[in-house]
Amino acid sequence: MAVTAAAAALAAGPSPQRRAGLGPWFAVTPMLGWLALFVIVPTLMLLVISFCERDGLGRIVYSFTFENYTRAFDWKWLKILGISVWYAFLTTAICLVLGYPVAYFIGRSSERVRGLLIMLVMIPFWTSFLIRTYAWISILSQDGLLNALLMTLQITSAPIGFMYTPFAVILGLVYNFLPFMILPIYTSVEKLDGSLIEAAYDLGARPARVFSKVVLPLTQPGMAAGILLVFVPAIAMFAITNLMGGGANPTIGEVIQNQFTKARNQPFGAALGVLLLAIFILSLWLSSKFRRSEQE
């Protein structure tokens, strides 16, 4: 009987595929609602306002114009955008150079030590980044700890002006974004197959070649994620650059904030925000294209 039933089932052909119910849709509804409310709607509002004008009182006039984008491509604003991209590039490069060895060391440590080291990396997130920034301000100020130490050691006879310089801005950005570089790279290093490294050594490869031909390619996904997590927000960061840079070399984030607050020119600020969003999208596209080319 069992054989007859099996033969009948085979003769009848494959059973119709069961359709998914509404359960998965209900599961993703909160996420879709969150994206629509906090991502899609604000982005559309920003895009609409960027094509508007303002009246003499700073109120938005909903009339279509390209004037804001024409003004955004003025050399003055392009120079500020270039400074922002340069700061973000330096921050990303320094975070990568400093963060990769740390992430590799954590990823190759024992599980007991690994948990302790990850906790040490996460400690800065326990406090607000503004508190951490103000801590660096107190360290780098004229009468701060660093100048006091240098003068005590007689390295310098007068206080050095560390604050309100590009050095202070880069230092603040690197300190606040370094964990965002370490954690993705650590995730890739943790997944490394140790047998591949041992096989490379057994075949006579030297440490430098093992790193460049085995370790580095296998950890590229973590590096790409870390670069995006640092580069993208570093361009638009205005709190750190304003507090530690003093407005001497304003960044695009500071300009956008000033347009929405002090200047009360929301359409122009929105146009700059849309251009910044376009840079973010371009960065994501280039990153995904680079990863696909590496996989091929």
Protein backbone atom coordinates (compact mmCIF):
# COMPACT_ATOMS: atom_id res chain seq x y z
CA MET A 1 0.00 0.00 0.00
CA ALA A 2 2.82 2.40 0.85
CA VAL A 3 4.52 1.74 -2.48
CA THR A 4 1.23 2.28 -4.31
CA ALA A 5 0.66 5.58 -2.51
CA ALA A 6 4.18 6.77 -3.29
CA ALA A 7 3.76 5.84 -6.96
CA ALA A 8 0.46 7.71 -7.10
CA ALA A 9 2.07 10.78 -5.57
CA LEU A 10 4.88 10.72 -8.12
CA ALA A 11 2.42 10.28 -10.96
CA ALA A 12 0.39 13.25 -9.74
CA GLY A 13 3.44 15.50 -10.03
CA PRO A 14 4.81 18.00 -7.56
CA SER A 15 2.41 19.44 -5.05
CA PRO A 16 1.47 23.10 -5.51
CA GLN A 17 3.83 25.45 -3.71
CA ARG A 18 2.46 26.78 -0.48
CA ARG A 19 1.99 30.52 -0.51
CA ALA A 20 3.36 32.59 2.30
CA GLY A 21 0.75 34.12 4.55
CA LEU A 22 0.54 37.63 5.94
CA GLY A 23 2.73 36.77 8.90
CA PRO A 24 6.04 37.93 7.35
CA TRP A 25 4.45 41.22 6.31
CA PHE A 26 3.25 41.85 9.85
CA ALA A 27 6.77 41.08 11.08
CA VAL A 28 8.43 43.69 8.86
CA THR A 29 5.69 46.33 9.26
CA PRO A 30 7.39 48.08 12.23
CA MET A 31 10.66 48.32 10.31
CA LEU A 32 8.93 49.63 7.17
CA GLY A 33 7.01 52.14 9.27
CA TRP A 34 10.22 53.30 10.95
CA LEU A 35 11.95 53.73 7.57
CA ALA A 36 9.00 55.62 6.13
CA LEU A 37 8.62 57.93 9.14
CA PHE A 38 12.25 58.72 9.90
CA VAL A 39 14.03 58.23 6.55
CA ILE A 40 11.76 58.48 3.50
CA VAL A 41 9.46 61.28 4.68
CA PRO A 42 12.26 63.58 5.98
CA THR A 43 14.29 62.98 2.80
CA LEU A 44 11.32 63.90 0.61
CA MET A 45 10.68 67.00 2.73
CA LEU A 46 14.33 68.00 2.39
CA LEU A 47 14.16 67.50 -1.38
CA VAL A 48 10.99 69.59 -1.73
CA ILE A 49 12.30 72.44 0.44
CA SER A 50 15.56 72.53 -1.54
CA PHE A 51 13.61 73.76 -4.59
CA CYS A 52 11.77 76.47 -2.62
CA GLU A 53 12.55 80.08 -1.77
CA ARG A 54 12.42 82.17 1.39
CA ASP A 55 10.79 85.54 1.99
CA GLY A 56 12.20 88.53 3.83
CA LEU A 57 11.24 87.06 7.20
CA GLY A 58 12.98 83.75 6.54
CA ARG A 59 9.78 81.82 5.90
CA ILE A 60 9.63 79.10 3.24
CA VAL A 61 7.91 80.07 -0.01
CA TYR A 62 6.84 76.98 -1.94
CA SER A 63 7.83 78.03 -5.45
CA PHE A 64 9.97 75.89 -7.76
CA THR A 65 13.50 77.19 -8.41
CA PHE A 66 17.02 75.91 -9.08
CA GLU A 67 18.63 78.95 -7.48
CA ASN A 68 19.66 77.08 -4.32
CA TYR A 69 21.54 74.43 -6.29
CA THR A 70 23.15 77.05 -8.52
CA ARG A 71 24.37 78.86 -5.42
CA ALA A 72 25.55 75.60 -3.85
CA PHE A 73 28.02 75.09 -6.72
CA ASP A 74 29.69 78.43 -6.02
CA TRP A 75 33.42 78.16 -5.35
CA LYS A 76 32.98 79.31 -1.74
CA TRP A 77 30.74 76.39 -0.84
CA LEU A 78 32.69 73.88 -2.94
CA LYS A 79 35.82 74.85 -1.01
CA ILE A 80 34.04 74.18 2.29
CA LEU A 81 32.81 70.85 0.93
CA GLY A 82 36.37 70.00 -0.11
CA ILE A 83 37.63 70.77 3.41
CA SER A 84 34.92 68.51 4.84
CA VAL A 85 35.82 65.65 2.49
CA TRP A 86 39.52 66.12 3.32
CA TYR A 87 38.84 66.00 7.07
CA ALA A 88 36.70 62.89 6.59
CA PHE A 89 39.37 61.23 4.42
CA LEU A 90 42.13 61.91 6.96
CA THR A 91 39.91 60.69 9.79
CA THR A 92 39.09 57.49 7.91
CA ALA A 93 42.73 56.83 6.97
CA ILE A 94 43.98 57.37 10.53
CA CYS A 95 41.19 55.22 11.97
CA LEU A 96 42.04 52.45 9.52
CA VAL A 97 45.76 52.56 10.33
CA LEU A 98 45.14 52.61 14.08
CA GLY A 99 42.08 50.39 14.16
CA TYR A 100 43.21 47.47 12.00
CA PRO A 101 46.04 46.26 14.29
CA VAL A 102 43.77 46.63 17.32
CA ALA A 103 40.94 44.73 15.64
CA TYR A 104 43.31 42.00 14.46
CA PHE A 105 44.81 41.59 17.91
CA ILE A 106 41.35 41.36 19.51
CA GLY A 107 40.06 38.94 16.88
CA ARG A 108 43.00 36.56 17.30
CA SER A 109 42.97 36.65 21.12
CA SER A 110 41.40 34.01 23.32
CA GLU A 111 37.69 34.27 24.03
CA ARG A 112 38.20 35.33 27.65
CA VAL A 113 40.60 38.15 26.73
CA ARG A 114 38.53 39.03 23.66
CA GLY A 115 35.48 39.90 25.71
CA LEU A 116 37.50 42.18 27.99
CA LEU A 117 39.12 44.00 25.05
CA ILE A 118 35.79 44.50 23.29
CA MET A 119 34.40 46.00 26.49
CA LEU A 120 37.33 48.43 26.60
CA VAL A 121 36.60 49.48 23.02
CA MET A 122 32.92 50.00 23.86
CA ILE A 123 33.56 52.05 27.01
CA PRO A 124 33.53 55.43 25.13
CA PHE A 125 29.95 54.70 24.04
CA TRP A 126 28.86 54.72 27.67
CA THR A 127 29.09 58.52 27.71
CA SER A 128 27.86 61.20 25.33
CA PHE A 129 30.22 62.19 22.53
CA LEU A 130 29.78 65.81 23.66
CA ILE A 131 31.20 64.91 27.08
CA ARG A 132 34.13 63.18 25.41
CA THR A 133 34.66 66.21 23.18
CA TYR A 134 34.63 68.62 26.10
CA ALA A 135 37.13 66.36 27.85
CA TRP A 136 39.52 66.78 24.93
CA ILE A 137 38.91 70.54 24.99
CA SER A 138 40.01 70.66 28.62
CA ILE A 139 43.10 68.59 27.75
CA LEU A 140 44.15 70.65 24.72
CA SER A 141 43.32 74.13 26.00
CA GLN A 142 45.99 76.71 26.82
CA ASP A 143 45.85 75.90 30.54
CA GLY A 144 44.97 72.25 29.98
CA LEU A 145 46.64 69.04 31.00
CA LEU A 146 48.75 68.61 27.84
CA ASN A 147 50.30 72.07 27.98
CA ALA A 148 50.90 71.72 31.71
CA LEU A 149 52.69 68.42 31.12
CA LEU A 150 54.84 69.84 28.30
CA MET A 151 55.83 72.83 30.39
CA THR A 152 56.55 70.67 33.44
CA LEU A 153 58.87 68.50 31.36
CA GLN A 154 60.41 71.73 29.98
CA ILE A 155 59.66 70.66 26.43
CA THR A 156 58.14 74.08 25.80
CA SER A 157 58.38 77.36 27.67
CA ALA A 158 54.93 78.68 26.69
CA PRO A 159 51.53 77.09 26.09
CA ILE A 160 50.95 75.72 22.60
CA GLY A 161 47.72 76.57 20.81
CA PHE A 162 46.37 73.11 20.12
CA MET A 163 42.74 74.17 20.15
CA TYR A 164 40.89 75.61 17.14
CA THR A 165 43.26 74.03 14.65
CA PRO A 166 42.85 71.27 12.06
CA PHE A 167 44.89 69.06 14.38
CA ALA A 168 42.28 69.40 17.12
CA VAL A 169 39.44 68.69 14.68
CA ILE A 170 41.08 65.54 13.31
CA LEU A 171 41.94 64.36 16.82
CA GLY A 172 38.35 64.78 17.98
CA LEU A 173 36.96 63.00 14.92
CA VAL A 174 39.42 60.11 15.17
CA TYR A 175 38.77 59.61 18.87
CA ASN A 176 34.99 59.53 18.44
CA PHE A 177 34.90 57.38 15.29
CA LEU A 178 37.72 54.93 15.97
CA PRO A 179 35.42 52.27 17.54
CA PHE A 180 33.30 52.32 14.36
CA MET A 181 36.38 51.15 12.47
CA ILE A 182 37.55 48.59 15.00
CA LEU A 183 34.31 46.67 15.46
CA PRO A 184 33.55 45.76 11.78
CA ILE A 185 37.16 44.74 11.16
CA TYR A 186 37.14 42.68 14.35
CA THR A 187 34.06 40.84 13.08
CA SER A 188 35.90 39.88 9.87
CA VAL A 189 39.07 38.88 11.72
CA GLU A 190 37.07 36.72 14.12
CA LYS A 191 35.72 34.72 11.17
CA LEU A 192 39.17 34.07 9.70
CA ASP A 193 39.95 30.41 9.17
CA GLY A 194 43.24 29.80 10.96
CA SER A 195 43.96 26.78 8.79
CA LEU A 196 44.35 29.07 5.75
CA ILE A 197 47.02 31.08 7.52
CA GLU A 198 48.79 27.92 8.66
CA ALA A 199 48.66 26.51 5.13
CA ALA A 200 50.24 29.68 3.76
CA TYR A 201 53.08 29.39 6.28
CA ASP A 202 53.51 25.70 5.47
CA LEU A 203 53.89 26.56 1.79
CA GLY A 204 56.77 28.90 2.61
CA ALA A 205 55.03 32.27 2.58
CA ARG A 206 56.54 34.96 4.75
CA PRO A 207 54.44 36.95 7.25
CA ALA A 208 54.17 39.99 4.96
CA ARG A 209 52.94 37.85 2.06
CA VAL A 210 50.52 35.94 4.28
CA PHE A 211 49.05 39.22 5.44
CA SER A 212 48.76 40.75 1.95
CA LYS A 213 47.53 37.62 0.14
CA VAL A 214 45.45 35.85 2.80
CA VAL A 215 44.52 38.02 5.78
CA LEU A 216 43.90 41.33 4.01
CA PRO A 217 41.57 39.99 1.27
CA LEU A 218 39.52 38.00 3.79
CA THR A 219 39.04 41.03 6.03
CA GLN A 220 38.13 43.46 3.25
CA PRO A 221 34.37 43.30 4.00
CA GLY A 222 35.03 44.54 7.53
CA MET A 223 37.37 47.22 6.25
CA ALA A 224 34.78 48.42 3.72
CA ALA A 225 32.08 48.57 6.40
CA GLY A 226 34.38 50.43 8.77
CA ILE A 227 35.38 52.95 6.09
CA LEU A 228 31.74 53.72 5.36
CA LEU A 229 30.82 53.96 9.04
CA VAL A 230 33.61 56.50 9.58
CA PHE A 231 33.78 58.44 6.30
CA VAL A 232 30.06 59.12 5.81
CA PRO A 233 29.24 60.64 9.24
CA ALA A 234 32.62 62.41 9.46
CA ILE A 235 31.72 64.59 6.47
CA ALA A 236 28.52 65.87 8.05
CA MET A 237 29.74 66.11 11.66
CA PHE A 238 29.40 69.68 12.89
CA ALA A 239 29.46 69.47 16.69
CA ILE A 240 33.08 68.31 16.97
CA THR A 241 34.36 70.59 14.20
CA ASN A 242 32.54 73.56 15.71
CA LEU A 243 33.68 72.97 19.28
CA MET A 244 37.28 71.98 18.55
CA GLY A 245 37.76 73.93 15.34
CA GLY A 246 36.21 77.18 16.56
CA GLY A 247 34.68 77.92 13.17
CA ALA A 248 38.05 78.90 11.69
CA ASN A 249 37.66 76.39 8.86
CA PRO A 250 33.92 75.61 8.76
CA THR A 251 32.77 72.27 7.41
CA ILE A 252 29.71 71.52 5.34
CA GLY A 253 27.88 70.25 8.42
CA GLU A 254 28.41 73.57 10.20
CA VAL A 255 27.20 75.49 7.15
CA ILE A 256 24.01 73.42 6.91
CA GLN A 257 23.33 73.91 10.62
CA ASN A 258 23.87 77.67 10.34
CA GLN A 259 21.57 77.90 7.32
CA PHE A 260 18.75 76.23 9.27
CA THR A 261 19.34 78.24 12.48
CA LYS A 262 21.21 81.55 12.29
CA ALA A 263 20.76 82.44 8.60
CA ARG A 264 17.16 81.11 8.52
CA ASN A 265 17.67 80.04 4.92
CA GLN A 266 16.18 76.57 5.04
CA PRO A 267 15.89 76.09 1.25
CA PHE A 268 19.61 76.66 0.73
CA GLY A 269 20.46 74.47 3.72
CA ALA A 270 18.20 71.77 2.30
CA ALA A 271 19.96 72.00 -1.09
CA LEU A 272 23.33 71.52 0.61
CA GLY A 273 21.85 68.58 2.53
CA VAL A 274 20.62 66.96 -0.69
CA LEU A 275 24.06 67.32 -2.26
CA LEU A 276 25.59 65.78 0.84
CA LEU A 277 23.10 62.92 0.60
CA ALA A 278 24.14 62.43 -3.02
CA ILE A 279 27.76 62.10 -1.86
CA PHE A 280 26.68 59.45 0.66
CA ILE A 281 24.82 57.49 -2.01
CA LEU A 282 27.82 57.75 -4.34
CA SER A 283 30.09 56.45 -1.57
CA LEU A 284 27.81 53.47 -0.97
CA TRP A 285 27.63 52.73 -4.70
CA LEU A 286 31.40 52.90 -5.13
CA SER A 287 31.89 50.68 -2.09
CA SER A 288 29.45 48.03 -3.33
CA LYS A 289 30.98 48.14 -6.82
CA PHE A 290 34.47 47.71 -5.35
CA ARG A 291 33.35 44.70 -3.30
CA ARG A 292 31.73 43.08 -6.35
CA SER A 293 34.88 43.57 -8.42
CA GLU A 294 36.98 42.04 -5.64
CA GLN A 295 34.68 39.01 -5.41
CA GLU A 296 34.87 38.45 -9.18
